[in-house]
Amino acid sequence: MGAIPAAALDLQGHRGARGLYPENTLPAFAAALSLGVSTLELDVAVTADEVLVVSHDLLLNPEITRENGRWLDPRTALAIHALNYWELQRYDVGHIDPRSNYARRFPRQQAVDGTAIPKLAEVLALARRANNDVVRFNIETKISPEHPALAPSPERFAKLLIAEIRAAGLQSRTTIQSFDWRTLDIVQRDAPEIATVYLSAQRDWMDNIRAGERASAWTAGRHVSEHGGSVPRMVQAAGGKIWSPHHGDLTGQSLHEAKTLGLKVIVWTVNDDDDIQRMLALGVDGIISDYPDRLRELAAQAGFKLPPATPLMP
């Protein structure tokens, strides 16, 4: 009997490699490519002049944003969608405010002063510079049904993102994910060649499923109660093929149900060694982590095949 081939794992660098370099920046994505990831996970917002930029926050985050060397006042709410791209470039997001809770969460993050919020097109080009023609892109639409003024309409957002992905010729290497499932409906209708990922969370600090309420604005008119309380069944009914739950919400039972329904399961955001090892042992299809270096090490120890490293300086 021949040797059993190593299993593949979708190893995703969260916001590039947030635990190591400033999140959603070119240095973070360069670090992830240099370490070796299957997928660059990133977030996209839209400026006032409709440029797709890479940012997790709809409002500039004062914990990581400076103007002229000074941290933004936390009382100031600057919406990315209210700024033109050229206005956005005056802000530096290459350093965590050392006084912040964020700094305590990510003590290993290396500052790269003078780093601006990049365009999505720059991140796609970075992979080409690394001569990496296999890495995938998992792009989250940053949009909230509870704050509609902070982003374009779901229709406009999806159309802008679809057009950018098609222009780059990356339809087969891209997934579009969201907690706001309205954008996923539009992608499935207008760009069936681009896979969608249904993000879910049932946490105290983030809950887009709202199982205990009569409806959820996040899930495009669907409610989990209509599917026997099962999020995997809800995702399948929406036309989804990939479910991405918070790792703390995933159980062996829900994973088995998802697999039985034909869904791939990619968990977020898994940073602790014990949690990573538990997810690997459960048999998830992919793991999103702020520390792709640790994820690689633990996946290798567990016998998984690792994606290629493509060293690149930002």
C-alpha atoms as a PDB file:
ATOM      1  CA  MET A   1       0.000   0.000   0.000  1.00  0.00           C
ATOM      2  CA  GLY A   2       1.362   3.426  -0.949  1.00  0.00           C
ATOM      3  CA  ALA A   3       1.718   6.312   1.452  1.00  0.00           C
ATOM      4  CA  ILE A   4      -1.437   8.279   2.221  1.00  0.00           C
ATOM      5  CA  PRO A   5      -1.052  11.772   0.693  1.00  0.00           C
ATOM      6  CA  ALA A   6      -1.106  14.711   3.060  1.00  0.00           C
ATOM      7  CA  ALA A   7      -4.480  16.398   3.328  1.00  0.00           C
ATOM      8  CA  ALA A   8      -4.902  19.926   2.026  1.00  0.00           C
ATOM      9  CA  LEU A   9      -5.971  22.752   4.307  1.00  0.00           C
ATOM     10  CA  ASP A  10      -7.070  26.215   3.229  1.00  0.00           C
ATOM     11  CA  LEU A  11      -4.625  28.200   5.339  1.00  0.00           C
ATOM     12  CA  GLN A  12      -5.845  31.799   5.382  1.00  0.00           C
ATOM     13  CA  GLY A  13      -3.918  34.805   6.663  1.00  0.00           C
ATOM     14  CA  HIS A  14      -6.440  37.037   8.441  1.00  0.00           C
ATOM     15  CA  ARG A  15      -6.196  40.636   7.255  1.00  0.00           C
ATOM     16  CA  GLY A  16      -2.886  39.465   5.786  1.00  0.00           C
ATOM     17  CA  ALA A  17      -1.094  38.535   8.987  1.00  0.00           C
ATOM     18  CA  ARG A  18      -2.584  40.829  11.631  1.00  0.00           C
ATOM     19  CA  GLY A  19      -0.671  39.301  14.506  1.00  0.00           C
ATOM     20  CA  LEU A  20       2.639  40.084  12.815  1.00  0.00           C
ATOM     21  CA  TYR A  21       2.182  43.271  10.752  1.00  0.00           C
ATOM     22  CA  PRO A  22      -0.373  46.101  10.540  1.00  0.00           C
ATOM     23  CA  GLU A  23      -3.700  44.662   9.465  1.00  0.00           C
ATOM     24  CA  ASN A  24      -4.940  44.886   5.887  1.00  0.00           C
ATOM     25  CA  THR A  25      -1.767  46.594   4.676  1.00  0.00           C
ATOM     26  CA  LEU A  26       0.688  45.712   1.943  1.00  0.00           C
ATOM     27  CA  PRO A  27       3.358  44.740   4.530  1.00  0.00           C
ATOM     28  CA  ALA A  28       0.896  42.305   6.149  1.00  0.00           C
ATOM     29  CA  PHE A  29      -0.012  40.710   2.834  1.00  0.00           C
ATOM     30  CA  ALA A  30       3.648  40.542   1.806  1.00  0.00           C
ATOM     31  CA  ALA A  31       4.426  38.774   5.087  1.00  0.00           C
ATOM     32  CA  ALA A  32       1.626  36.264   4.511  1.00  0.00           C
ATOM     33  CA  LEU A  33       2.843  35.526   0.984  1.00  0.00           C
ATOM     34  CA  SER A  34       6.399  35.161   2.251  1.00  0.00           C
ATOM     35  CA  LEU A  35       5.329  32.713   4.960  1.00  0.00           C
ATOM     36  CA  GLY A  36       3.096  30.741   2.597  1.00  0.00           C
ATOM     37  CA  VAL A  37      -0.691  30.843   2.776  1.00  0.00           C
ATOM     38  CA  SER A  38      -3.366  29.337   0.577  1.00  0.00           C
ATOM     39  CA  THR A  39      -5.523  32.448   0.816  1.00  0.00           C
ATOM     40  CA  LEU A  40      -5.180  36.117   1.648  1.00  0.00           C
ATOM     41  CA  GLU A  41      -8.197  37.088   3.732  1.00  0.00           C
ATOM     42  CA  LEU A  42      -9.061  40.777   3.553  1.00  0.00           C
ATOM     43  CA  ASP A  43     -11.816  43.338   3.977  1.00  0.00           C
ATOM     44  CA  VAL A  44     -12.975  45.873   1.426  1.00  0.00           C
ATOM     45  CA  ALA A  45     -14.674  49.236   1.867  1.00  0.00           C
ATOM     46  CA  VAL A  46     -15.661  51.820  -0.757  1.00  0.00           C
ATOM     47  CA  THR A  47     -14.552  55.465  -0.804  1.00  0.00           C
ATOM     48  CA  ALA A  48     -16.730  58.401  -1.820  1.00  0.00           C
ATOM     49  CA  ASP A  49     -15.246  58.283  -5.331  1.00  0.00           C
ATOM     50  CA  GLU A  50     -15.931  54.528  -5.513  1.00  0.00           C
ATOM     51  CA  VAL A  51     -12.407  53.207  -5.073  1.00  0.00           C
ATOM     52  CA  LEU A  52     -12.272  49.775  -3.451  1.00  0.00           C
ATOM     53  CA  VAL A  53      -9.868  49.991  -0.524  1.00  0.00           C
ATOM     54  CA  VAL A  54      -8.748  47.400   1.996  1.00  0.00           C
ATOM     55  CA  SER A  55     -10.088  48.185   5.455  1.00  0.00           C
ATOM     56  CA  HIS A  56     -11.918  46.247   8.146  1.00  0.00           C
ATOM     57  CA  ASP A  57     -13.549  49.349   9.578  1.00  0.00           C
ATOM     58  CA  LEU A  58     -16.214  51.536   8.032  1.00  0.00           C
ATOM     59  CA  LEU A  59     -14.967  54.354  10.251  1.00  0.00           C
ATOM     60  CA  LEU A  60     -11.249  55.067  10.569  1.00  0.00           C
ATOM     61  CA  ASN A  61     -10.105  53.210  13.672  1.00  0.00           C
ATOM     62  CA  PRO A  62      -8.435  55.603  16.154  1.00  0.00           C
ATOM     63  CA  GLU A  63      -6.450  52.712  17.680  1.00  0.00           C
ATOM     64  CA  ILE A  64      -4.456  52.286  14.467  1.00  0.00           C
ATOM     65  CA  THR A  65      -4.824  55.598  12.609  1.00  0.00           C
ATOM     66  CA  ARG A  66      -2.695  58.744  12.741  1.00  0.00           C
ATOM     67  CA  GLU A  67      -2.801  62.032  10.875  1.00  0.00           C
ATOM     68  CA  ASN A  68       0.380  64.115  10.852  1.00  0.00           C
ATOM     69  CA  GLY A  69       1.810  61.845  13.533  1.00  0.00           C
ATOM     70  CA  ARG A  70      -1.112  62.237  15.918  1.00  0.00           C
ATOM     71  CA  TRP A  71      -3.587  59.517  16.838  1.00  0.00           C
ATOM     72  CA  LEU A  72      -7.132  60.251  15.780  1.00  0.00           C
ATOM     73  CA  ASP A  73      -9.419  61.505  18.502  1.00  0.00           C
ATOM     74  CA  PRO A  74     -11.716  58.580  19.454  1.00  0.00           C
ATOM     75  CA  ARG A  75     -14.614  61.020  19.489  1.00  0.00           C
ATOM     76  CA  THR A  76     -14.046  61.755  15.804  1.00  0.00           C
ATOM     77  CA  ALA A  77     -15.996  59.528  13.422  1.00  0.00           C
ATOM     78  CA  LEU A  78     -14.473  59.630   9.946  1.00  0.00           C
ATOM     79  CA  ALA A  79     -16.302  57.367   7.501  1.00  0.00           C
ATOM     80  CA  ILE A  80     -14.278  55.880   4.661  1.00  0.00           C
ATOM     81  CA  HIS A  81     -17.331  56.172   2.400  1.00  0.00           C
ATOM     82  CA  ALA A  82     -17.367  59.946   3.039  1.00  0.00           C
ATOM     83  CA  LEU A  83     -13.724  60.399   1.963  1.00  0.00           C
ATOM     84  CA  ASN A  84     -12.253  60.402  -1.524  1.00  0.00           C
ATOM     85  CA  TYR A  85      -9.324  58.074  -2.089  1.00  0.00           C
ATOM     86  CA  TRP A  86      -6.818  60.924  -2.176  1.00  0.00           C
ATOM     87  CA  GLU A  87      -8.131  62.194   1.171  1.00  0.00           C
ATOM     88  CA  LEU A  88      -7.737  58.739   2.690  1.00  0.00           C
ATOM     89  CA  GLN A  89      -4.038  58.695   1.799  1.00  0.00           C
ATOM     90  CA  ARG A  90      -3.129  61.255   4.425  1.00  0.00           C
ATOM     91  CA  TYR A  91      -3.790  58.744   7.207  1.00  0.00           C
ATOM     92  CA  ASP A  92      -1.099  56.387   8.528  1.00  0.00           C
ATOM     93  CA  VAL A  93      -2.293  52.922   9.615  1.00  0.00           C
ATOM     94  CA  GLY A  94       1.124  51.340  10.122  1.00  0.00           C
ATOM     95  CA  HIS A  95       1.298  51.474  13.913  1.00  0.00           C
ATOM     96  CA  ILE A  96      -0.938  50.514  16.838  1.00  0.00           C
ATOM     97  CA  ASP A  97      -1.522  53.111  19.525  1.00  0.00           C
ATOM     98  CA  PRO A  98       0.524  51.578  22.372  1.00  0.00           C
ATOM     99  CA  ARG A  99      -2.059  52.805  24.912  1.00  0.00           C
ATOM    100  CA  SER A 100      -4.870  50.849  23.306  1.00  0.00           C
ATOM    101  CA  ASN A 101      -6.489  47.495  24.033  1.00  0.00           C
ATOM    102  CA  TYR A 102      -5.558  46.551  20.472  1.00  0.00           C
ATOM    103  CA  ALA A 103      -1.849  46.870  21.344  1.00  0.00           C
ATOM    104  CA  ARG A 104      -2.295  44.523  24.297  1.00  0.00           C
ATOM    105  CA  ARG A 105      -4.025  41.975  22.062  1.00  0.00           C
ATOM    106  CA  PHE A 106      -1.247  41.961  19.446  1.00  0.00           C
ATOM    107  CA  PRO A 107       2.095  42.503  21.192  1.00  0.00           C
ATOM    108  CA  ARG A 108       4.021  40.787  18.380  1.00  0.00           C
ATOM    109  CA  GLN A 109       2.781  43.113  15.659  1.00  0.00           C
ATOM    110  CA  GLN A 110       5.702  44.939  14.039  1.00  0.00           C
ATOM    111  CA  ALA A 111       5.033  48.591  13.200  1.00  0.00           C
ATOM    112  CA  VAL A 112       5.613  49.896   9.676  1.00  0.00           C
ATOM    113  CA  ASP A 113       5.284  53.641   9.992  1.00  0.00           C
ATOM    114  CA  GLY A 114       4.097  55.567   6.971  1.00  0.00           C
ATOM    115  CA  THR A 115       1.758  52.832   5.734  1.00  0.00           C
ATOM    116  CA  ALA A 116      -1.452  53.909   4.008  1.00  0.00           C
ATOM    117  CA  ILE A 117      -4.706  52.050   3.432  1.00  0.00           C
ATOM    118  CA  PRO A 118      -4.163  50.247   0.102  1.00  0.00           C
ATOM    119  CA  LYS A 119      -6.414  49.826  -2.872  1.00  0.00           C
ATOM    120  CA  LEU A 120      -7.727  46.331  -3.499  1.00  0.00           C
ATOM    121  CA  ALA A 121      -5.957  46.512  -6.862  1.00  0.00           C
ATOM    122  CA  GLU A 122      -2.616  46.958  -5.057  1.00  0.00           C
ATOM    123  CA  VAL A 123      -3.119  43.778  -3.041  1.00  0.00           C
ATOM    124  CA  LEU A 124      -3.984  41.800  -6.165  1.00  0.00           C
ATOM    125  CA  ALA A 125      -0.874  43.214  -7.851  1.00  0.00           C
ATOM    126  CA  LEU A 126       1.285  42.274  -4.848  1.00  0.00           C
ATOM    127  CA  ALA A 127       0.584  38.592  -5.421  1.00  0.00           C
ATOM    128  CA  ARG A 128       1.614  38.983  -9.047  1.00  0.00           C
ATOM    129  CA  ARG A 129       4.864  40.621  -7.912  1.00  0.00           C
ATOM    130  CA  ALA A 130       5.485  37.572  -5.743  1.00  0.00           C
ATOM    131  CA  ASN A 131       5.031  35.377  -8.838  1.00  0.00           C
ATOM    132  CA  ASN A 132       2.292  33.599  -6.923  1.00  0.00           C
ATOM    133  CA  ASP A 133      -0.362  32.499  -9.385  1.00  0.00           C
ATOM    134  CA  VAL A 134      -2.110  30.077  -7.030  1.00  0.00           C
ATOM    135  CA  VAL A 135      -2.843  32.111  -3.896  1.00  0.00           C
ATOM    136  CA  ARG A 136      -6.526  32.837  -3.424  1.00  0.00           C
ATOM    137  CA  PHE A 137      -8.318  35.960  -2.196  1.00  0.00           C
ATOM    138  CA  ASN A 138     -11.134  35.818   0.341  1.00  0.00           C
ATOM    139  CA  ILE A 139     -12.674  39.291   0.222  1.00  0.00           C
ATOM    140  CA  GLU A 140     -15.204  40.459   2.782  1.00  0.00           C
ATOM    141  CA  THR A 141     -17.666  43.202   1.898  1.00  0.00           C
ATOM    142  CA  LYS A 142     -17.708  45.688   4.773  1.00  0.00           C
ATOM    143  CA  ILE A 143     -21.313  46.721   4.825  1.00  0.00           C
ATOM    144  CA  SER A 144     -23.900  46.843   7.581  1.00  0.00           C
ATOM    145  CA  PRO A 145     -27.694  46.881   7.241  1.00  0.00           C
ATOM    146  CA  GLU A 146     -27.735  48.762  10.543  1.00  0.00           C
ATOM    147  CA  HIS A 147     -25.612  51.626   9.163  1.00  0.00           C
ATOM    148  CA  PRO A 148     -26.602  52.019   5.503  1.00  0.00           C
ATOM    149  CA  ALA A 149     -25.011  55.458   5.089  1.00  0.00           C
ATOM    150  CA  LEU A 150     -21.521  54.055   5.721  1.00  0.00           C
ATOM    151  CA  ALA A 151     -21.325  52.010   2.493  1.00  0.00           C
ATOM    152  CA  PRO A 152     -22.869  51.875  -0.958  1.00  0.00           C
ATOM    153  CA  SER A 153     -26.056  49.917  -1.430  1.00  0.00           C
ATOM    154  CA  PRO A 154     -25.534  46.134  -1.462  1.00  0.00           C
ATOM    155  CA  GLU A 155     -26.254  46.167  -5.210  1.00  0.00           C
ATOM    156  CA  ARG A 156     -23.682  48.858  -5.978  1.00  0.00           C
ATOM    157  CA  PHE A 157     -21.067  47.373  -3.631  1.00  0.00           C
ATOM    158  CA  ALA A 158     -21.353  43.930  -5.185  1.00  0.00           C
ATOM    159  CA  LYS A 159     -21.209  45.281  -8.737  1.00  0.00           C
ATOM    160  CA  LEU A 160     -18.054  47.314  -8.022  1.00  0.00           C
ATOM    161  CA  LEU A 161     -16.324  44.316  -6.471  1.00  0.00           C
ATOM    162  CA  ILE A 162     -17.380  41.921  -9.219  1.00  0.00           C
ATOM    163  CA  ALA A 163     -16.065  44.326 -11.859  1.00  0.00           C
ATOM    164  CA  GLU A 164     -12.679  44.630 -10.121  1.00  0.00           C
ATOM    165  CA  ILE A 165     -12.274  40.874  -9.766  1.00  0.00           C
ATOM    166  CA  ARG A 166     -13.225  40.286 -13.389  1.00  0.00           C
ATOM    167  CA  ALA A 167     -10.866  43.019 -14.582  1.00  0.00           C
ATOM    168  CA  ALA A 168      -8.024  41.232 -12.785  1.00  0.00           C
ATOM    169  CA  GLY A 169      -9.080  37.872 -14.222  1.00  0.00           C
ATOM    170  CA  LEU A 170      -9.273  36.362 -10.752  1.00  0.00           C
ATOM    171  CA  GLN A 171     -12.798  34.954 -10.695  1.00  0.00           C
ATOM    172  CA  SER A 172     -11.607  31.378 -10.160  1.00  0.00           C
ATOM    173  CA  ARG A 173      -9.224  32.374  -7.340  1.00  0.00           C
ATOM    174  CA  THR A 174     -11.557  34.635  -5.389  1.00  0.00           C
ATOM    175  CA  THR A 175     -14.332  34.173  -2.881  1.00  0.00           C
ATOM    176  CA  ILE A 176     -16.584  36.962  -1.672  1.00  0.00           C
ATOM    177  CA  GLN A 177     -17.652  36.648   1.940  1.00  0.00           C
ATOM    178  CA  SER A 178     -19.947  38.688   4.155  1.00  0.00           C
ATOM    179  CA  PHE A 179     -21.898  38.819   7.363  1.00  0.00           C
ATOM    180  CA  ASP A 180     -24.416  40.861   5.360  1.00  0.00           C
ATOM    181  CA  TRP A 181     -25.842  38.153   3.145  1.00  0.00           C
ATOM    182  CA  ARG A 182     -27.544  40.654   0.818  1.00  0.00           C
ATOM    183  CA  THR A 183     -24.272  41.138  -1.075  1.00  0.00           C
ATOM    184  CA  LEU A 184     -23.891  37.373  -1.453  1.00  0.00           C
ATOM    185  CA  ASP A 185     -27.308  37.095  -3.074  1.00  0.00           C
ATOM    186  CA  ILE A 186     -26.249  39.655  -5.670  1.00  0.00           C
ATOM    187  CA  VAL A 187     -22.915  37.960  -6.388  1.00  0.00           C
ATOM    188  CA  GLN A 188     -24.663  34.623  -6.890  1.00  0.00           C
ATOM    189  CA  ARG A 189     -27.133  36.242  -9.275  1.00  0.00           C
ATOM    190  CA  ASP A 190     -24.706  38.395 -11.276  1.00  0.00           C
ATOM    191  CA  ALA A 191     -21.399  36.496 -11.044  1.00  0.00           C
ATOM    192  CA  PRO A 192     -22.036  32.799 -10.473  1.00  0.00           C
ATOM    193  CA  GLU A 193     -18.422  32.100 -11.452  1.00  0.00           C
ATOM    194  CA  ILE A 194     -17.270  33.750  -8.170  1.00  0.00           C
ATOM    195  CA  ALA A 195     -17.785  31.616  -5.073  1.00  0.00           C
ATOM    196  CA  THR A 196     -19.521  33.068  -2.034  1.00  0.00           C
ATOM    197  CA  VAL A 197     -18.811  32.477   1.653  1.00  0.00           C
ATOM    198  CA  TYR A 198     -21.495  32.836   4.325  1.00  0.00           C
ATOM    199  CA  LEU A 199     -20.017  34.316   7.475  1.00  0.00           C
ATOM    200  CA  SER A 200     -21.848  33.685  10.711  1.00  0.00           C
ATOM    201  CA  ALA A 201     -21.392  34.600  14.339  1.00  0.00           C
ATOM    202  CA  GLN A 202     -23.491  33.863  17.390  1.00  0.00           C
ATOM    203  CA  ARG A 203     -21.387  35.650  19.962  1.00  0.00           C
ATOM    204  CA  ASP A 204     -22.271  38.276  22.568  1.00  0.00           C
ATOM    205  CA  TRP A 205     -20.154  40.823  20.702  1.00  0.00           C
ATOM    206  CA  MET A 206     -21.278  39.889  17.188  1.00  0.00           C
ATOM    207  CA  ASP A 207     -24.446  38.077  16.160  1.00  0.00           C
ATOM    208  CA  ASN A 208     -25.727  38.240  12.604  1.00  0.00           C
ATOM    209  CA  ILE A 209     -27.954  35.164  12.957  1.00  0.00           C
ATOM    210  CA  ARG A 210     -30.170  36.587  15.737  1.00  0.00           C
ATOM    211  CA  ALA A 211     -31.722  33.211  16.532  1.00  0.00           C
ATOM    212  CA  GLY A 212     -33.464  34.616  19.593  1.00  0.00           C
ATOM    213  CA  GLU A 213     -35.181  37.373  17.613  1.00  0.00           C
ATOM    214  CA  ARG A 214     -37.986  37.240  15.072  1.00  0.00           C
ATOM    215  CA  ALA A 215     -35.796  38.460  12.208  1.00  0.00           C
ATOM    216  CA  SER A 216     -32.238  39.420  11.308  1.00  0.00           C
ATOM    217  CA  ALA A 217     -31.436  42.323   9.018  1.00  0.00           C
ATOM    218  CA  TRP A 218     -28.152  40.628   8.158  1.00  0.00           C
ATOM    219  CA  THR A 219     -29.413  37.484   6.464  1.00  0.00           C
ATOM    220  CA  ALA A 220     -31.326  38.845   3.457  1.00  0.00           C
ATOM    221  CA  GLY A 221     -34.834  38.072   4.641  1.00  0.00           C
ATOM    222  CA  ARG A 222     -34.074  34.599   5.986  1.00  0.00           C
ATOM    223  CA  HIS A 223     -34.248  33.391   9.568  1.00  0.00           C
ATOM    224  CA  VAL A 224     -32.657  30.366  11.145  1.00  0.00           C
ATOM    225  CA  SER A 225     -35.969  29.330  12.713  1.00  0.00           C
ATOM    226  CA  GLU A 226     -37.223  28.551   9.190  1.00  0.00           C
ATOM    227  CA  HIS A 227     -34.472  25.913   8.928  1.00  0.00           C
ATOM    228  CA  GLY A 228     -34.925  24.055  12.178  1.00  0.00           C
ATOM    229  CA  GLY A 229     -32.450  26.300  13.977  1.00  0.00           C
ATOM    230  CA  SER A 230     -29.616  25.070  11.731  1.00  0.00           C
ATOM    231  CA  VAL A 231     -27.227  27.646  10.296  1.00  0.00           C
ATOM    232  CA  PRO A 232     -25.734  25.117   7.811  1.00  0.00           C
ATOM    233  CA  ARG A 233     -29.208  24.358   6.461  1.00  0.00           C
ATOM    234  CA  MET A 234     -29.888  28.076   6.234  1.00  0.00           C
ATOM    235  CA  VAL A 235     -26.673  28.595   4.236  1.00  0.00           C
ATOM    236  CA  GLN A 236     -27.519  25.762   1.868  1.00  0.00           C
ATOM    237  CA  ALA A 237     -31.036  27.145   1.336  1.00  0.00           C
ATOM    238  CA  ALA A 238     -29.482  30.509   0.420  1.00  0.00           C
ATOM    239  CA  GLY A 239     -27.464  28.806  -2.319  1.00  0.00           C
ATOM    240  CA  GLY A 240     -24.214  28.820  -0.406  1.00  0.00           C
ATOM    241  CA  LYS A 241     -21.448  26.260  -0.790  1.00  0.00           C
ATOM    242  CA  ILE A 242     -19.109  27.553   1.924  1.00  0.00           C
ATOM    243  CA  TRP A 243     -20.003  28.277   5.554  1.00  0.00           C
ATOM    244  CA  SER A 244     -17.611  30.321   7.669  1.00  0.00           C
ATOM    245  CA  PRO A 245     -18.623  30.298  11.351  1.00  0.00           C
ATOM    246  CA  HIS A 246     -16.766  31.693  14.330  1.00  0.00           C
ATOM    247  CA  HIS A 247     -14.671  28.792  15.584  1.00  0.00           C
ATOM    248  CA  GLY A 248     -16.326  28.974  18.985  1.00  0.00           C
ATOM    249  CA  ASP A 249     -19.713  28.299  17.405  1.00  0.00           C
ATOM    250  CA  LEU A 250     -18.602  25.165  15.595  1.00  0.00           C
ATOM    251  CA  THR A 251     -19.262  21.728  17.097  1.00  0.00           C
ATOM    252  CA  GLY A 252     -18.590  18.262  15.769  1.00  0.00           C
ATOM    253  CA  GLN A 253     -22.332  17.923  15.194  1.00  0.00           C
ATOM    254  CA  SER A 254     -22.705  21.141  13.203  1.00  0.00           C
ATOM    255  CA  LEU A 255     -19.591  20.322  11.167  1.00  0.00           C
ATOM    256  CA  HIS A 256     -20.987  16.872  10.350  1.00  0.00           C
ATOM    257  CA  GLU A 257     -24.295  18.421   9.336  1.00  0.00           C
ATOM    258  CA  ALA A 258     -22.562  20.957   7.090  1.00  0.00           C
ATOM    259  CA  LYS A 259     -20.473  18.245   5.425  1.00  0.00           C
ATOM    260  CA  THR A 260     -23.585  16.095   4.905  1.00  0.00           C
ATOM    261  CA  LEU A 261     -25.182  19.055   3.147  1.00  0.00           C
ATOM    262  CA  GLY A 262     -22.140  19.382   0.876  1.00  0.00           C
ATOM    263  CA  LEU A 263     -20.791  22.564   2.452  1.00  0.00           C
ATOM    264  CA  LYS A 264     -17.147  23.414   2.984  1.00  0.00           C
ATOM    265  CA  VAL A 265     -16.421  24.822   6.439  1.00  0.00           C
ATOM    266  CA  ILE A 266     -13.816  27.529   7.036  1.00  0.00           C
ATOM    267  CA  VAL A 267     -13.557  28.848  10.592  1.00  0.00           C
ATOM    268  CA  TRP A 268     -12.501  32.298  11.799  1.00  0.00           C
ATOM    269  CA  THR A 269     -10.415  33.733  13.567  1.00  0.00           C
ATOM    270  CA  VAL A 270      -8.351  30.996  15.244  1.00  0.00           C
ATOM    271  CA  ASN A 271      -5.206  32.132  17.061  1.00  0.00           C
ATOM    272  CA  ASP A 272      -4.612  30.001  20.156  1.00  0.00           C
ATOM    273  CA  ASP A 273      -2.662  26.780  19.660  1.00  0.00           C
ATOM    274  CA  ASP A 274      -5.292  24.690  21.443  1.00  0.00           C
ATOM    275  CA  ASP A 275      -8.074  26.124  19.279  1.00  0.00           C
ATOM    276  CA  ILE A 276      -6.085  25.580  16.084  1.00  0.00           C
ATOM    277  CA  GLN A 277      -5.379  21.978  17.037  1.00  0.00           C
ATOM    278  CA  ARG A 278      -9.033  21.397  17.898  1.00  0.00           C
ATOM    279  CA  MET A 279     -10.171  22.727  14.531  1.00  0.00           C
ATOM    280  CA  LEU A 280      -7.588  20.601  12.713  1.00  0.00           C
ATOM    281  CA  ALA A 281      -8.730  17.536  14.622  1.00  0.00           C
ATOM    282  CA  LEU A 282     -12.388  18.244  13.842  1.00  0.00           C
ATOM    283  CA  GLY A 283     -11.589  18.229  10.139  1.00  0.00           C
ATOM    284  CA  VAL A 284     -12.496  21.714   8.950  1.00  0.00           C
ATOM    285  CA  ASP A 285     -11.651  22.638   5.358  1.00  0.00           C
ATOM    286  CA  GLY A 286      -9.882  25.862   6.247  1.00  0.00           C
ATOM    287  CA  ILE A 287      -8.731  28.073   9.098  1.00  0.00           C
ATOM    288  CA  ILE A 288      -8.418  31.855   9.158  1.00  0.00           C
ATOM    289  CA  SER A 289      -5.742  33.078  11.572  1.00  0.00           C
ATOM    290  CA  ASP A 290      -3.941  36.267  12.546  1.00  0.00           C
ATOM    291  CA  TYR A 291      -0.827  34.104  12.933  1.00  0.00           C
ATOM    292  CA  PRO A 292      -0.291  32.152   9.711  1.00  0.00           C
ATOM    293  CA  ASP A 293       3.186  31.237  10.953  1.00  0.00           C
ATOM    294  CA  ARG A 294       1.782  29.320  13.927  1.00  0.00           C
ATOM    295  CA  LEU A 295      -1.013  27.871  11.829  1.00  0.00           C
ATOM    296  CA  ARG A 296       1.532  26.541   9.321  1.00  0.00           C
ATOM    297  CA  GLU A 297       3.640  25.001  12.061  1.00  0.00           C
ATOM    298  CA  LEU A 298       0.722  23.234  13.724  1.00  0.00           C
ATOM    299  CA  ALA A 299      -0.757  22.107  10.416  1.00  0.00           C
ATOM    300  CA  ALA A 300       2.599  20.621   9.416  1.00  0.00           C
ATOM    301  CA  GLN A 301       2.833  18.776  12.736  1.00  0.00           C
ATOM    302  CA  ALA A 302      -0.639  17.362  12.085  1.00  0.00           C
ATOM    303  CA  GLY A 303       0.411  16.107   8.653  1.00  0.00           C
ATOM    304  CA  PHE A 304      -1.295  18.642   6.418  1.00  0.00           C
ATOM    305  CA  LYS A 305       0.148  19.725   3.103  1.00  0.00           C
ATOM    306  CA  LEU A 306       1.403  23.301   3.270  1.00  0.00           C
ATOM    307  CA  PRO A 307       0.955  25.978   0.599  1.00  0.00           C
ATOM    308  CA  PRO A 308       4.090  27.322  -1.093  1.00  0.00           C
ATOM    309  CA  ALA A 309       5.957  30.273   0.353  1.00  0.00           C
ATOM    310  CA  THR A 310       6.666  33.102  -2.093  1.00  0.00           C
ATOM    311  CA  PRO A 311       9.127  35.462  -0.382  1.00  0.00           C
ATOM    312  CA  LEU A 312       8.433  39.105  -1.094  1.00  0.00           C
ATOM    313  CA  MET A 313       9.466  42.367   0.498  1.00  0.00           C
ATOM    314  CA  PRO A 314       6.679  44.961   0.661  1.00  0.00           C
END
